[in-house]
Every structure is written in structure tokens, then in C-alpha cells.
Amino acid sequence: DVYRTSIIEPEVMLNQDGQLYTLALTDYDLKHRMLVKFDDI
């Protein structure tokens, strides 16, 4: 259900105060602790 309705990627890049940060997910993360990016959160 999560994969059908969300954008799940192995890397999540955030633009915070004009700087770029990349959060990298492992294979374990992609199965058990996914990260989904929205505006501001």
C-alpha cells in the first residue's frame, strides 16, 4: 500500500535554507523504515 501511494526512493534530497542534504536508505530501510518527502516535512 505504501509503495502504491507514495514516492519511495533510496535517496531523499532535502532543500533546507538553500542548502542540500541527502538521506540515504539501505535495503533494510526500503522494506521496514521508508522515508517519504512532503513539503516542509
Full PDB file with SEQRES, HELIX, SHEET, SSBOND, CRYST1, ORIGX, SCALE, CONECT and MASTER records, all heavy atoms in Angstrom:
SEQRES   1 A   41  ASP VAL TYR ARG THR SER ILE ILE GLU PRO GLU VAL MET          
SEQRES   2 A   41  LEU ASN GLN ASP GLY GLN LEU TYR THR LEU ALA LEU THR          
SEQRES   3 A   41  ASP TYR ASP LEU LYS HIS ARG MET LEU VAL LYS PHE ASP          
SEQRES   4 A   41  ASP ILE                                                      
HELIX    1 AA1 VAL A    2  THR A    5  1                                   4    
HELIX    2 AA2 ASP A   27  HIS A   32  1                                   6    
SHEET    1 AA1 2 GLU A  11  GLN A  16  0                                        
SHEET    2 AA1 2 GLN A  19  ALA A  24 -1                                        
CRYST1    1.000    1.000    1.000  90.00  90.00  90.00 P 1           1          
ORIGX1      1.000000  0.000000  0.000000        0.00000                         
ORIGX2      0.000000  1.000000  0.000000        0.00000                         
ORIGX3      0.000000  0.000000  1.000000        0.00000                         
SCALE1      1.000000  0.000000  0.000000        0.00000                         
SCALE2      0.000000  1.000000  0.000000        0.00000                         
SCALE3      0.000000  0.000000  1.000000        0.00000                         
ATOM      1  N   ASP A   1       0.832  -1.208   0.000  1.00  0.00           N  
ATOM      2  CA  ASP A   1       0.000   0.000   0.000  1.00  0.00           C  
ATOM      3  C   ASP A   1       0.868   1.260   0.000  1.00  0.00           C  
ATOM      4  O   ASP A   1       0.575   2.240  -0.702  1.00  0.00           O  
ATOM      5  CB  ASP A   1      -0.919   0.022   1.229  1.00  0.00           C  
ATOM      6  CG  ASP A   1      -1.964  -1.074   1.198  1.00  0.00           C  
ATOM      7  OD1 ASP A   1      -2.354  -1.488   0.089  1.00  0.00           O  
ATOM      8  OD2 ASP A   1      -2.391  -1.522   2.279  1.00  0.00           O  
ATOM      9  N   VAL A   2       1.927   1.231   0.797  1.00  0.00           N  
ATOM     10  CA  VAL A   2       2.812   2.402   0.889  1.00  0.00           C  
ATOM     11  C   VAL A   2       3.479   2.664  -0.452  1.00  0.00           C  
ATOM     12  O   VAL A   2       3.533   3.801  -0.935  1.00  0.00           O  
ATOM     13  CB  VAL A   2       3.869   2.204   1.989  1.00  0.00           C  
ATOM     14  CG1 VAL A   2       4.834   3.389   2.027  1.00  0.00           C  
ATOM     15  CG2 VAL A   2       3.205   2.029   3.350  1.00  0.00           C  
ATOM     16  N   TYR A   3       3.980   1.610  -1.083  1.00  0.00           N  
ATOM     17  CA  TYR A   3       4.672   1.785  -2.361  1.00  0.00           C  
ATOM     18  C   TYR A   3       3.710   2.197  -3.474  1.00  0.00           C  
ATOM     19  O   TYR A   3       4.112   2.888  -4.416  1.00  0.00           O  
ATOM     20  CB  TYR A   3       5.405   0.489  -2.740  1.00  0.00           C  
ATOM     21  CG  TYR A   3       6.815   0.454  -2.214  1.00  0.00           C  
ATOM     22  CD1 TYR A   3       7.089  -0.057  -0.942  1.00  0.00           C  
ATOM     23  CD2 TYR A   3       7.876   0.948  -2.955  1.00  0.00           C  
ATOM     24  CE1 TYR A   3       8.378  -0.081  -0.447  1.00  0.00           C  
ATOM     25  CE2 TYR A   3       9.167   0.934  -2.465  1.00  0.00           C  
ATOM     26  CZ  TYR A   3       9.421   0.416  -1.214  1.00  0.00           C  
ATOM     27  OH  TYR A   3      10.704   0.406  -0.722  1.00  0.00           O  
ATOM     28  N   ARG A   4       2.450   1.788  -3.367  1.00  0.00           N  
ATOM     29  CA  ARG A   4       1.480   2.153  -4.399  1.00  0.00           C  
ATOM     30  C   ARG A   4       1.102   3.625  -4.337  1.00  0.00           C  
ATOM     31  O   ARG A   4       0.753   4.223  -5.350  1.00  0.00           O  
ATOM     32  CB  ARG A   4       0.205   1.309  -4.263  1.00  0.00           C  
ATOM     33  CG  ARG A   4       0.247  -0.028  -4.968  1.00  0.00           C  
ATOM     34  CD  ARG A   4      -1.164  -0.539  -5.228  1.00  0.00           C  
ATOM     35  NE  ARG A   4      -1.972  -0.573  -4.025  1.00  0.00           N  
ATOM     36  CZ  ARG A   4      -2.071  -1.616  -3.212  1.00  0.00           C  
ATOM     37  NH1 ARG A   4      -1.395  -2.712  -3.474  1.00  0.00           N  
ATOM     38  NH2 ARG A   4      -2.833  -1.565  -2.135  1.00  0.00           N  
ATOM     39  N   THR A   5       1.124   4.197  -3.161  1.00  0.00           N  
ATOM     40  CA  THR A   5       0.560   5.534  -2.983  1.00  0.00           C  
ATOM     41  C   THR A   5       1.588   6.613  -2.645  1.00  0.00           C  
ATOM     42  O   THR A   5       1.208   7.762  -2.409  1.00  0.00           O  
ATOM     43  CB  THR A   5      -0.492   5.508  -1.858  1.00  0.00           C  
ATOM     44  OG1 THR A   5       0.128   5.062  -0.638  1.00  0.00           O  
ATOM     45  CG2 THR A   5      -1.630   4.564  -2.210  1.00  0.00           C  
ATOM     46  N   SER A   6       2.872   6.248  -2.597  1.00  0.00           N  
ATOM     47  CA  SER A   6       3.893   7.214  -2.192  1.00  0.00           C  
ATOM     48  C   SER A   6       5.097   7.145  -3.118  1.00  0.00           C  
ATOM     49  O   SER A   6       5.259   6.189  -3.871  1.00  0.00           O  
ATOM     50  CB  SER A   6       4.355   6.932  -0.748  1.00  0.00           C  
ATOM     51  OG  SER A   6       3.267   6.910   0.144  1.00  0.00           O  
ATOM     52  N   ILE A   7       5.925   8.164  -3.031  1.00  0.00           N  
ATOM     53  CA  ILE A   7       7.207   8.153  -3.728  1.00  0.00           C  
ATOM     54  C   ILE A   7       8.254   7.610  -2.760  1.00  0.00           C  
ATOM     55  O   ILE A   7       8.566   8.249  -1.755  1.00  0.00           O  
ATOM     56  CB  ILE A   7       7.595   9.566  -4.194  1.00  0.00           C  
ATOM     57  CG1 ILE A   7       6.586  10.094  -5.218  1.00  0.00           C  
ATOM     58  CG2 ILE A   7       9.001   9.566  -4.790  1.00  0.00           C  
ATOM     59  CD1 ILE A   7       6.846  11.516  -5.648  1.00  0.00           C  
ATOM     60  N   ILE A   8       8.782   6.428  -3.069  1.00  0.00           N  
ATOM     61  CA  ILE A   8       9.799   5.803  -2.226  1.00  0.00           C  
ATOM     62  C   ILE A   8      11.073   5.697  -3.042  1.00  0.00           C  
ATOM     63  O   ILE A   8      11.094   5.062  -4.103  1.00  0.00           O  
ATOM     64  CB  ILE A   8       9.371   4.401  -1.749  1.00  0.00           C  
ATOM     65  CG1 ILE A   8       7.993   4.444  -1.089  1.00  0.00           C  
ATOM     66  CG2 ILE A   8      10.425   3.830  -0.805  1.00  0.00           C  
ATOM     67  CD1 ILE A   8       7.928   5.228   0.192  1.00  0.00           C  
ATOM     68  N   GLU A   9      12.138   6.327  -2.567  1.00  0.00           N  
ATOM     69  CA  GLU A   9      13.409   6.299  -3.283  1.00  0.00           C  
ATOM     70  C   GLU A   9      14.539   5.948  -2.319  1.00  0.00           C  
ATOM     71  O   GLU A   9      14.441   6.198  -1.106  1.00  0.00           O  
ATOM     72  CB  GLU A   9      13.685   7.659  -3.908  1.00  0.00           C  
ATOM     73  CG  GLU A   9      12.712   8.063  -4.999  1.00  0.00           C  
ATOM     74  CD  GLU A   9      13.137   9.344  -5.672  1.00  0.00           C  
ATOM     75  OE1 GLU A   9      12.837  10.423  -5.123  1.00  0.00           O  
ATOM     76  OE2 GLU A   9      13.783   9.266  -6.725  1.00  0.00           O  
ATOM     77  N   PRO A  10      15.639   5.378  -2.838  1.00  0.00           N  
ATOM     78  CA  PRO A  10      16.772   5.035  -1.965  1.00  0.00           C  
ATOM     79  C   PRO A  10      17.520   6.253  -1.455  1.00  0.00           C  
ATOM     80  O   PRO A  10      18.286   6.150  -0.498  1.00  0.00           O  
ATOM     81  CB  PRO A  10      17.662   4.166  -2.867  1.00  0.00           C  
ATOM     82  CG  PRO A  10      17.284   4.535  -4.257  1.00  0.00           C  
ATOM     83  CD  PRO A  10      15.827   4.877  -4.212  1.00  0.00           C  
ATOM     84  N   GLU A  11      17.318   7.406  -2.082  1.00  0.00           N  
ATOM     85  CA  GLU A  11      17.917   8.645  -1.608  1.00  0.00           C  
ATOM     86  C   GLU A  11      16.846   9.730  -1.565  1.00  0.00           C  
ATOM     87  O   GLU A  11      16.073   9.879  -2.508  1.00  0.00           O  
ATOM     88  CB  GLU A  11      19.060   9.102  -2.511  1.00  0.00           C  
ATOM     89  CG  GLU A  11      20.288   8.209  -2.434  1.00  0.00           C  
ATOM     90  CD  GLU A  11      21.444   8.759  -3.251  1.00  0.00           C  
ATOM     91  OE1 GLU A  11      21.191   9.654  -4.092  1.00  0.00           O  
ATOM     92  OE2 GLU A  11      22.571   8.311  -3.047  1.00  0.00           O  
ATOM     93  N   VAL A  12      16.811  10.459  -0.458  1.00  0.00           N  
ATOM     94  CA  VAL A  12      15.861  11.559  -0.307  1.00  0.00           C  
ATOM     95  C   VAL A  12      16.662  12.843  -0.133  1.00  0.00           C  
ATOM     96  O   VAL A  12      17.397  12.997   0.843  1.00  0.00           O  
ATOM     97  CB  VAL A  12      14.934  11.333   0.902  1.00  0.00           C  
ATOM     98  CG1 VAL A  12      14.018  12.536   1.110  1.00  0.00           C  
ATOM     99  CG2 VAL A  12      14.115  10.061   0.715  1.00  0.00           C  
ATOM    100  N   MET A  13      16.528  13.743  -1.087  1.00  0.00           N  
ATOM    101  CA  MET A  13      17.270  15.006  -1.035  1.00  0.00           C  
ATOM    102  C   MET A  13      16.368  16.118  -0.529  1.00  0.00           C  
ATOM    103  O   MET A  13      15.244  16.282  -1.006  1.00  0.00           O  
ATOM    104  CB  MET A  13      17.831  15.357  -2.419  1.00  0.00           C  
ATOM    105  CG  MET A  13      18.675  16.626  -2.418  1.00  0.00           C  
ATOM    106  SD  MET A  13      19.456  16.964  -4.024  1.00  0.00           S  
ATOM    107  CE  MET A  13      20.814  15.791  -3.967  1.00  0.00           C  
ATOM    108  N   LEU A  14      16.869  16.869   0.448  1.00  0.00           N  
ATOM    109  CA  LEU A  14      16.111  17.960   1.050  1.00  0.00           C  
ATOM    110  C   LEU A  14      16.802  19.290   0.768  1.00  0.00           C  
ATOM    111  O   LEU A  14      18.032  19.392   0.833  1.00  0.00           O  
ATOM    112  CB  LEU A  14      15.995  17.758   2.565  1.00  0.00           C  
ATOM    113  CG  LEU A  14      15.397  16.438   3.042  1.00  0.00           C  
ATOM    114  CD1 LEU A  14      15.401  16.382   4.569  1.00  0.00           C  
ATOM    115  CD2 LEU A  14      13.988  16.251   2.508  1.00  0.00           C  
ATOM    116  N   ASN A  15      16.004  20.291   0.488  1.00  0.00           N  
ATOM    117  CA  ASN A  15      16.494  21.650   0.324  1.00  0.00           C  
ATOM    118  C   ASN A  15      16.077  22.436   1.562  1.00  0.00           C  
ATOM    119  O   ASN A  15      14.919  22.792   1.734  1.00  0.00           O  
ATOM    120  CB  ASN A  15      15.884  22.276  -0.937  1.00  0.00           C  
ATOM    121  CG  ASN A  15      16.437  23.671  -1.224  1.00  0.00           C  
ATOM    122  OD1 ASN A  15      17.161  24.250  -0.421  1.00  0.00           O  
ATOM    123  ND2 ASN A  15      16.081  24.212  -2.381  1.00  0.00           N  
ATOM    124  N   GLN A  16      17.044  22.666   2.457  1.00  0.00           N  
ATOM    125  CA  GLN A  16      16.757  23.354   3.707  1.00  0.00           C  
ATOM    126  C   GLN A  16      17.582  24.629   3.778  1.00  0.00           C  
ATOM    127  O   GLN A  16      18.822  24.576   3.811  1.00  0.00           O  
ATOM    128  CB  GLN A  16      17.083  22.431   4.902  1.00  0.00           C  
ATOM    129  CG  GLN A  16      16.997  23.093   6.260  1.00  0.00           C  
ATOM    130  CD  GLN A  16      15.575  23.462   6.666  1.00  0.00           C  
ATOM    131  OE1 GLN A  16      14.611  23.072   6.010  1.00  0.00           O  
ATOM    132  NE2 GLN A  16      15.435  24.218   7.737  1.00  0.00           N  
ATOM    133  N   ASP A  17      16.899  25.764   3.794  1.00  0.00           N  
ATOM    134  CA  ASP A  17      17.562  27.063   3.871  1.00  0.00           C  
ATOM    135  C   ASP A  17      18.596  27.231   2.761  1.00  0.00           C  
ATOM    136  O   ASP A  17      19.697  27.776   2.979  1.00  0.00           O  
ATOM    137  CB  ASP A  17      18.221  27.246   5.244  1.00  0.00           C  
ATOM    138  CG  ASP A  17      17.211  27.291   6.375  1.00  0.00           C  
ATOM    139  OD1 ASP A  17      16.066  27.707   6.117  1.00  0.00           O  
ATOM    140  OD2 ASP A  17      17.568  26.896   7.497  1.00  0.00           O  
ATOM    141  N   GLY A  18      18.252  26.746   1.571  1.00  0.00           N  
ATOM    142  CA  GLY A  18      19.133  26.922   0.425  1.00  0.00           C  
ATOM    143  C   GLY A  18      20.279  25.942   0.335  1.00  0.00           C  
ATOM    144  O   GLY A  18      21.075  25.982  -0.612  1.00  0.00           O  
ATOM    145  N   GLN A  19      20.395  25.035   1.322  1.00  0.00           N  
ATOM    146  CA  GLN A  19      21.438  24.018   1.303  1.00  0.00           C  
ATOM    147  C   GLN A  19      20.824  22.650   0.999  1.00  0.00           C  
ATOM    148  O   GLN A  19      19.656  22.402   1.308  1.00  0.00           O  
ATOM    149  CB  GLN A  19      22.175  23.980   2.643  1.00  0.00           C  
ATOM    150  CG  GLN A  19      22.877  25.277   3.013  1.00  0.00           C  
ATOM    151  CD  GLN A  19      23.955  25.665   2.014  1.00  0.00           C  
ATOM    152  OE1 GLN A  19      24.637  24.815   1.459  1.00  0.00           O  
ATOM    153  NE2 GLN A  19      24.108  26.976   1.779  1.00  0.00           N  
ATOM    154  N   LEU A  20      21.629  21.765   0.426  1.00  0.00           N  
ATOM    155  CA  LEU A  20      21.137  20.453   0.015  1.00  0.00           C  
ATOM    156  C   LEU A  20      21.678  19.358   0.930  1.00  0.00           C  
ATOM    157  O   LEU A  20      22.875  19.334   1.244  1.00  0.00           O  
ATOM    158  CB  LEU A  20      21.551  20.163  -1.429  1.00  0.00           C  
ATOM    159  CG  LEU A  20      21.087  21.178  -2.482  1.00  0.00           C  
ATOM    160  CD1 LEU A  20      21.511  20.729  -3.867  1.00  0.00           C  
ATOM    161  CD2 LEU A  20      19.576  21.370  -2.421  1.00  0.00           C  
ATOM    162  N   TYR A  21      20.796  18.473   1.345  1.00  0.00           N  
ATOM    163  CA  TYR A  21      21.151  17.345   2.199  1.00  0.00           C  
ATOM    164  C   TYR A  21      20.535  16.077   1.606  1.00  0.00           C  
ATOM    165  O   TYR A  21      19.373  16.087   1.192  1.00  0.00           O  
ATOM    166  CB  TYR A  21      20.623  17.544   3.626  1.00  0.00           C  
ATOM    167  CG  TYR A  21      21.071  18.839   4.267  1.00  0.00           C  
ATOM    168  CD1 TYR A  21      20.360  20.024   4.063  1.00  0.00           C  
ATOM    169  CD2 TYR A  21      22.200  18.885   5.069  1.00  0.00           C  
ATOM    170  CE1 TYR A  21      20.770  21.217   4.645  1.00  0.00           C  
ATOM    171  CE2 TYR A  21      22.616  20.074   5.667  1.00  0.00           C  
ATOM    172  CZ  TYR A  21      21.893  21.242   5.450  1.00  0.00           C  
ATOM    173  OH  TYR A  21      22.304  22.409   6.021  1.00  0.00           O  
ATOM    174  N   THR A  22      21.298  14.981   1.609  1.00  0.00           N  
ATOM    175  CA  THR A  22      20.805  13.723   1.058  1.00  0.00           C  
ATOM    176  C   THR A  22      20.774  12.657   2.133  1.00  0.00           C  
ATOM    177  O   THR A  22      21.794  12.375   2.781  1.00  0.00           O  
ATOM    178  CB  THR A  22      21.692  13.242  -0.103  1.00  0.00           C  
ATOM    179  OG1 THR A  22      21.686  14.231  -1.135  1.00  0.00           O  
ATOM    180  CG2 THR A  22      21.165  11.935  -0.674  1.00  0.00           C  
ATOM    181  N   LEU A  23      19.605  12.064   2.350  1.00  0.00           N  
ATOM    182  CA  LEU A  23      19.433  10.948   3.276  1.00  0.00           C  
ATOM    183  C   LEU A  23      19.423   9.662   2.461  1.00  0.00           C  
ATOM    184  O   LEU A  23      18.615   9.510   1.533  1.00  0.00           O  
ATOM    185  CB  LEU A  23      18.122  11.102   4.051  1.00  0.00           C  
ATOM    186  CG  LEU A  23      18.060  12.332   4.963  1.00  0.00           C  
ATOM    187  CD1 LEU A  23      16.625  12.751   5.206  1.00  0.00           C  
ATOM    188  CD2 LEU A  23      18.761  12.049   6.278  1.00  0.00           C  
ATOM    189  N   ALA A  24      20.320   8.742   2.791  1.00  0.00           N  
ATOM    190  CA  ALA A  24      20.469   7.501   2.033  1.00  0.00           C  
ATOM    191  C   ALA A  24      19.821   6.340   2.791  1.00  0.00           C  
ATOM    192  O   ALA A  24      20.105   6.118   3.974  1.00  0.00           O  
ATOM    193  CB  ALA A  24      21.942   7.202   1.791  1.00  0.00           C  
ATOM    194  N   LEU A  25      18.959   5.600   2.115  1.00  0.00           N  
ATOM    195  CA  LEU A  25      18.251   4.462   2.707  1.00  0.00           C  
ATOM    196  C   LEU A  25      18.911   3.157   2.276  1.00  0.00           C  
ATOM    197  O   LEU A  25      19.291   2.983   1.110  1.00  0.00           O  
ATOM    198  CB  LEU A  25      16.784   4.452   2.288  1.00  0.00           C  
ATOM    199  CG  LEU A  25      15.832   5.384   3.047  1.00  0.00           C  
ATOM    200  CD1 LEU A  25      16.161   6.849   2.783  1.00  0.00           C  
ATOM    201  CD2 LEU A  25      14.381   5.102   2.686  1.00  0.00           C  
ATOM    202  N   THR A  26      19.038   2.229   3.216  1.00  0.00           N  
ATOM    203  CA  THR A  26      19.579   0.909   2.923  1.00  0.00           C  
ATOM    204  C   THR A  26      18.465  -0.003   2.410  1.00  0.00           C  
ATOM    205  O   THR A  26      17.286   0.376   2.401  1.00  0.00           O  
ATOM    206  CB  THR A  26      20.184   0.285   4.188  1.00  0.00           C  
ATOM    207  OG1 THR A  26      19.116   0.080   5.153  1.00  0.00           O  
ATOM    208  CG2 THR A  26      21.246   1.204   4.800  1.00  0.00           C  
ATOM    209  N   ASP A  27      18.839  -1.220   2.009  1.00  0.00           N  
ATOM    210  CA  ASP A  27      17.822  -2.195   1.596  1.00  0.00           C  
ATOM    211  C   ASP A  27      16.855  -2.474   2.743  1.00  0.00           C  
ATOM    212  O   ASP A  27      15.644  -2.618   2.525  1.00  0.00           O  
ATOM    213  CB  ASP A  27      18.492  -3.501   1.154  1.00  0.00           C  
ATOM    214  CG  ASP A  27      19.219  -3.357  -0.177  1.00  0.00           C  
ATOM    215  OD1 ASP A  27      18.943  -2.376  -0.894  1.00  0.00           O  
ATOM    216  OD2 ASP A  27      20.068  -4.209  -0.487  1.00  0.00           O  
ATOM    217  N   TYR A  28      17.391  -2.545   3.966  1.00  0.00           N  
ATOM    218  CA  TYR A  28      16.528  -2.743   5.141  1.00  0.00           C  
ATOM    219  C   TYR A  28      15.546  -1.588   5.280  1.00  0.00           C  
ATOM    220  O   TYR A  28      14.349  -1.796   5.520  1.00  0.00           O  
ATOM    221  CB  TYR A  28      17.389  -2.858   6.400  1.00  0.00           C  
ATOM    222  CG  TYR A  28      16.590  -2.914   7.684  1.00  0.00           C  
ATOM    223  CD1 TYR A  28      16.143  -4.132   8.197  1.00  0.00           C  
ATOM    224  CD2 TYR A  28      16.266  -1.744   8.387  1.00  0.00           C  
ATOM    225  CE1 TYR A  28      15.395  -4.182   9.374  1.00  0.00           C  
ATOM    226  CE2 TYR A  28      15.516  -1.792   9.546  1.00  0.00           C  
ATOM    227  CZ  TYR A  28      15.092  -3.012  10.036  1.00  0.00           C  
ATOM    228  OH  TYR A  28      14.340  -3.038  11.191  1.00  0.00           O  
ATOM    229  N   ASP A  29      16.030  -0.368   5.129  1.00  0.00           N  
ATOM    230  CA  ASP A  29      15.166   0.810   5.256  1.00  0.00           C  
ATOM    231  C   ASP A  29      14.031   0.779   4.235  1.00  0.00           C  
ATOM    232  O   ASP A  29      12.891   1.145   4.546  1.00  0.00           O  
ATOM    233  CB  ASP A  29      15.977   2.095   5.062  1.00  0.00           C  
ATOM    234  CG  ASP A  29      17.033   2.292   6.127  1.00  0.00           C  
ATOM    235  OD1 ASP A  29      16.856   1.794   7.248  1.00  0.00           O  
ATOM    236  OD2 ASP A  29      18.060   2.943   5.824  1.00  0.00           O  
ATOM    237  N   LEU A  30      14.331   0.366   3.019  1.00  0.00           N  
ATOM    238  CA  LEU A  30      13.330   0.373   1.954  1.00  0.00           C  
ATOM    239  C   LEU A  30      12.236  -0.662   2.180  1.00  0.00           C  
ATOM    240  O   LEU A  30      11.186  -0.612   1.532  1.00  0.00           O  
ATOM    241  CB  LEU A  30      14.002   0.131   0.604  1.00  0.00           C  
ATOM    242  CG  LEU A  30      14.915   1.273   0.132  1.00  0.00           C  
ATOM    243  CD1 LEU A  30      15.722   0.847  -1.079  1.00  0.00           C  
ATOM    244  CD2 LEU A  30      14.095   2.525  -0.190  1.00  0.00           C  
ATOM    245  N   LYS A  31      12.463  -1.576   3.116  1.00  0.00           N  
ATOM    246  CA  LYS A  31      11.449  -2.577   3.462  1.00  0.00           C  
ATOM    247  C   LYS A  31      10.772  -2.283   4.794  1.00  0.00           C  
ATOM    248  O   LYS A  31       9.599  -2.626   4.991  1.00  0.00           O  
ATOM    249  CB  LYS A  31      12.083  -3.972   3.532  1.00  0.00           C  
ATOM    250  CG  LYS A  31      12.614  -4.495   2.210  1.00  0.00           C  
ATOM    251  CD  LYS A  31      13.272  -5.845   2.403  1.00  0.00           C  
ATOM    252  CE  LYS A  31      13.860  -6.377   1.096  1.00  0.00           C  
ATOM    253  NZ  LYS A  31      14.581  -7.659   1.301  1.00  0.00           N  
ATOM    254  N   HIS A  32      11.512  -1.658   5.721  1.00  0.00           N  
ATOM    255  CA  HIS A  32      10.998  -1.565   7.091  1.00  0.00           C  
ATOM    256  C   HIS A  32      10.950  -0.158   7.685  1.00  0.00           C  
ATOM    257  O   HIS A  32      10.307   0.041   8.712  1.00  0.00           O  
ATOM    258  CB  HIS A  32      11.828  -2.463   8.012  1.00  0.00           C  
ATOM    259  CG  HIS A  32      11.795  -3.907   7.643  1.00  0.00           C  
ATOM    260  ND1 HIS A  32      10.642  -4.657   7.689  1.00  0.00           N  
ATOM    261  CD2 HIS A  32      12.769  -4.744   7.197  1.00  0.00           C  
ATOM    262  CE1 HIS A  32      10.904  -5.894   7.308  1.00  0.00           C  
ATOM    263  NE2 HIS A  32      12.179  -5.971   6.999  1.00  0.00           N  
ATOM    264  N   ARG A  33      11.619   0.816   7.094  1.00  0.00           N  
ATOM    265  CA  ARG A  33      11.581   2.196   7.612  1.00  0.00           C  
ATOM    266  C   ARG A  33      11.759   3.172   6.453  1.00  0.00           C  
ATOM    267  O   ARG A  33      12.753   3.878   6.340  1.00  0.00           O  
ATOM    268  CB  ARG A  33      12.604   2.422   8.739  1.00  0.00           C  
ATOM    269  CG  ARG A  33      14.023   2.092   8.381  1.00  0.00           C  
ATOM    270  CD  ARG A  33      14.919   1.965   9.605  1.00  0.00           C  
ATOM    271  NE  ARG A  33      15.164   3.182  10.321  1.00  0.00           N  
ATOM    272  CZ  ARG A  33      16.182   4.006  10.083  1.00  0.00           C  
ATOM    273  NH1 ARG A  33      17.033   3.766   9.113  1.00  0.00           N  
ATOM    274  NH2 ARG A  33      16.354   5.078  10.835  1.00  0.00           N  
ATOM    275  N   MET A  34      10.741   3.218   5.614  1.00  0.00           N  
ATOM    276  CA  MET A  34      10.786   4.089   4.443  1.00  0.00           C  
ATOM    277  C   MET A  34      10.714   5.551   4.855  1.00  0.00           C  
ATOM    278  O   MET A  34      10.259   5.873   5.950  1.00  0.00           O  
ATOM    279  CB  MET A  34       9.623   3.772   3.497  1.00  0.00           C  
ATOM    280  CG  MET A  34       9.761   2.435   2.784  1.00  0.00           C  
ATOM    281  SD  MET A  34       9.223   1.098   3.819  1.00  0.00           S  
ATOM    282  CE  MET A  34       7.477   1.356   3.830  1.00  0.00           C  
ATOM    283  N   LEU A  35      11.139   6.393   3.949  1.00  0.00           N  
ATOM    284  CA  LEU A  35      11.113   7.835   4.180  1.00  0.00           C  
ATOM    285  C   LEU A  35      10.396   8.488   2.999  1.00  0.00           C  
ATOM    286  O   LEU A  35      10.770   8.272   1.848  1.00  0.00           O  
ATOM    287  CB  LEU A  35      12.530   8.377   4.314  1.00  0.00           C  
ATOM    288  CG  LEU A  35      12.682   9.789   4.873  1.00  0.00           C  
ATOM    289  CD1 LEU A  35      12.165   9.855   6.308  1.00  0.00           C  
ATOM    290  CD2 LEU A  35      14.146  10.232   4.823  1.00  0.00           C  
ATOM    291  N   VAL A  36       9.361   9.258   3.301  1.00  0.00           N  
ATOM    292  CA  VAL A  36       8.553   9.900   2.267  1.00  0.00           C  
ATOM    293  C   VAL A  36       8.622  11.411   2.470  1.00  0.00           C  
ATOM    294  O   VAL A  36       8.375  11.913   3.572  1.00  0.00           O  
ATOM    295  CB  VAL A  36       7.086   9.427   2.324  1.00  0.00           C  
ATOM    296  CG1 VAL A  36       6.272  10.072   1.200  1.00  0.00           C  
ATOM    297  CG2 VAL A  36       7.008   7.896   2.217  1.00  0.00           C  
ATOM    298  N   LYS A  37       8.942  12.133   1.399  1.00  0.00           N  
ATOM    299  CA  LYS A  37       9.134  13.586   1.481  1.00  0.00           C  
ATOM    300  C   LYS A  37       7.868  14.329   1.071  1.00  0.00           C  
ATOM    301  O   LYS A  37       7.265  14.050   0.041  1.00  0.00           O  
ATOM    302  CB  LYS A  37      10.300  14.011   0.586  1.00  0.00           C  
ATOM    303  CG  LYS A  37      10.567  15.518   0.602  1.00  0.00           C  
ATOM    304  CD  LYS A  37      11.851  15.870  -0.126  1.00  0.00           C  
ATOM    305  CE  LYS A  37      11.742  15.650  -1.617  1.00  0.00           C  
ATOM    306  NZ  LYS A  37      12.891  16.234  -2.355  1.00  0.00           N  
ATOM    307  N   PHE A  38       7.496  15.285   1.921  1.00  0.00           N  
ATOM    308  CA  PHE A  38       6.411  16.222   1.623  1.00  0.00           C  
ATOM    309  C   PHE A  38       6.977  17.641   1.699  1.00  0.00           C  
ATOM    310  O   PHE A  38       8.126  17.841   2.092  1.00  0.00           O  
ATOM    311  CB  PHE A  38       5.267  16.069   2.643  1.00  0.00           C  
ATOM    312  CG  PHE A  38       4.635  14.720   2.664  1.00  0.00           C  
ATOM    313  CD1 PHE A  38       5.089  13.738   3.541  1.00  0.00           C  
ATOM    314  CD2 PHE A  38       3.590  14.403   1.819  1.00  0.00           C  
ATOM    315  CE1 PHE A  38       4.513  12.478   3.564  1.00  0.00           C  
ATOM    316  CE2 PHE A  38       2.998  13.149   1.828  1.00  0.00           C  
ATOM    317  CZ  PHE A  38       3.464  12.183   2.708  1.00  0.00           C  
ATOM    318  N   ASP A  39       6.174  18.610   1.355  1.00  0.00           N  
ATOM    319  CA  ASP A  39       6.595  19.994   1.538  1.00  0.00           C  
ATOM    320  C   ASP A  39       6.837  20.261   3.023  1.00  0.00           C  
ATOM    321  O   ASP A  39       5.932  20.093   3.845  1.00  0.00           O  
ATOM    322  CB  ASP A  39       5.517  20.958   1.016  1.00  0.00           C  
ATOM    323  CG  ASP A  39       5.402  20.953  -0.492  1.00  0.00           C  
ATOM    324  OD1 ASP A  39       6.420  20.704  -1.160  1.00  0.00           O  
ATOM    325  OD2 ASP A  39       4.287  21.181  -1.003  1.00  0.00           O  
ATOM    326  N   ASP A  40       8.038  20.630   3.386  1.00  0.00           N  
ATOM    327  CA  ASP A  40       8.424  21.048   4.753  1.00  0.00           C  
ATOM    328  C   ASP A  40       8.566  19.917   5.758  1.00  0.00           C  
ATOM    329  O   ASP A  40       9.142  20.123   6.832  1.00  0.00           O  
ATOM    330  CB  ASP A  40       7.440  22.082   5.326  1.00  0.00           C  
ATOM    331  CG  ASP A  40       7.345  23.321   4.461  1.00  0.00           C  
ATOM    332  OD1 ASP A  40       8.381  23.714   3.888  1.00  0.00           O  
ATOM    333  OD2 ASP A  40       6.236  23.874   4.344  1.00  0.00           O  
ATOM    334  N   ILE A  41       8.020  18.731   5.495  1.00  0.00           N  
ATOM    335  CA  ILE A  41       8.103  17.626   6.459  1.00  0.00           C  
ATOM    336  C   ILE A  41       8.444  16.332   5.728  1.00  0.00           C  
ATOM    337  O   ILE A  41       8.315  16.229   4.506  1.00  0.00           O  
ATOM    338  CB  ILE A  41       6.784  17.426   7.242  1.00  0.00           C  
ATOM    339  CG1 ILE A  41       5.650  17.009   6.296  1.00  0.00           C  
ATOM    340  CG2 ILE A  41       6.422  18.671   8.038  1.00  0.00           C  
ATOM    341  CD1 ILE A  41       4.379  16.578   7.027  1.00  0.00           C  
TER     342      ILE A  41                                                      
MASTER        0    0    0    2    2    0    0    6  341    1    0    4          
END                                                                             
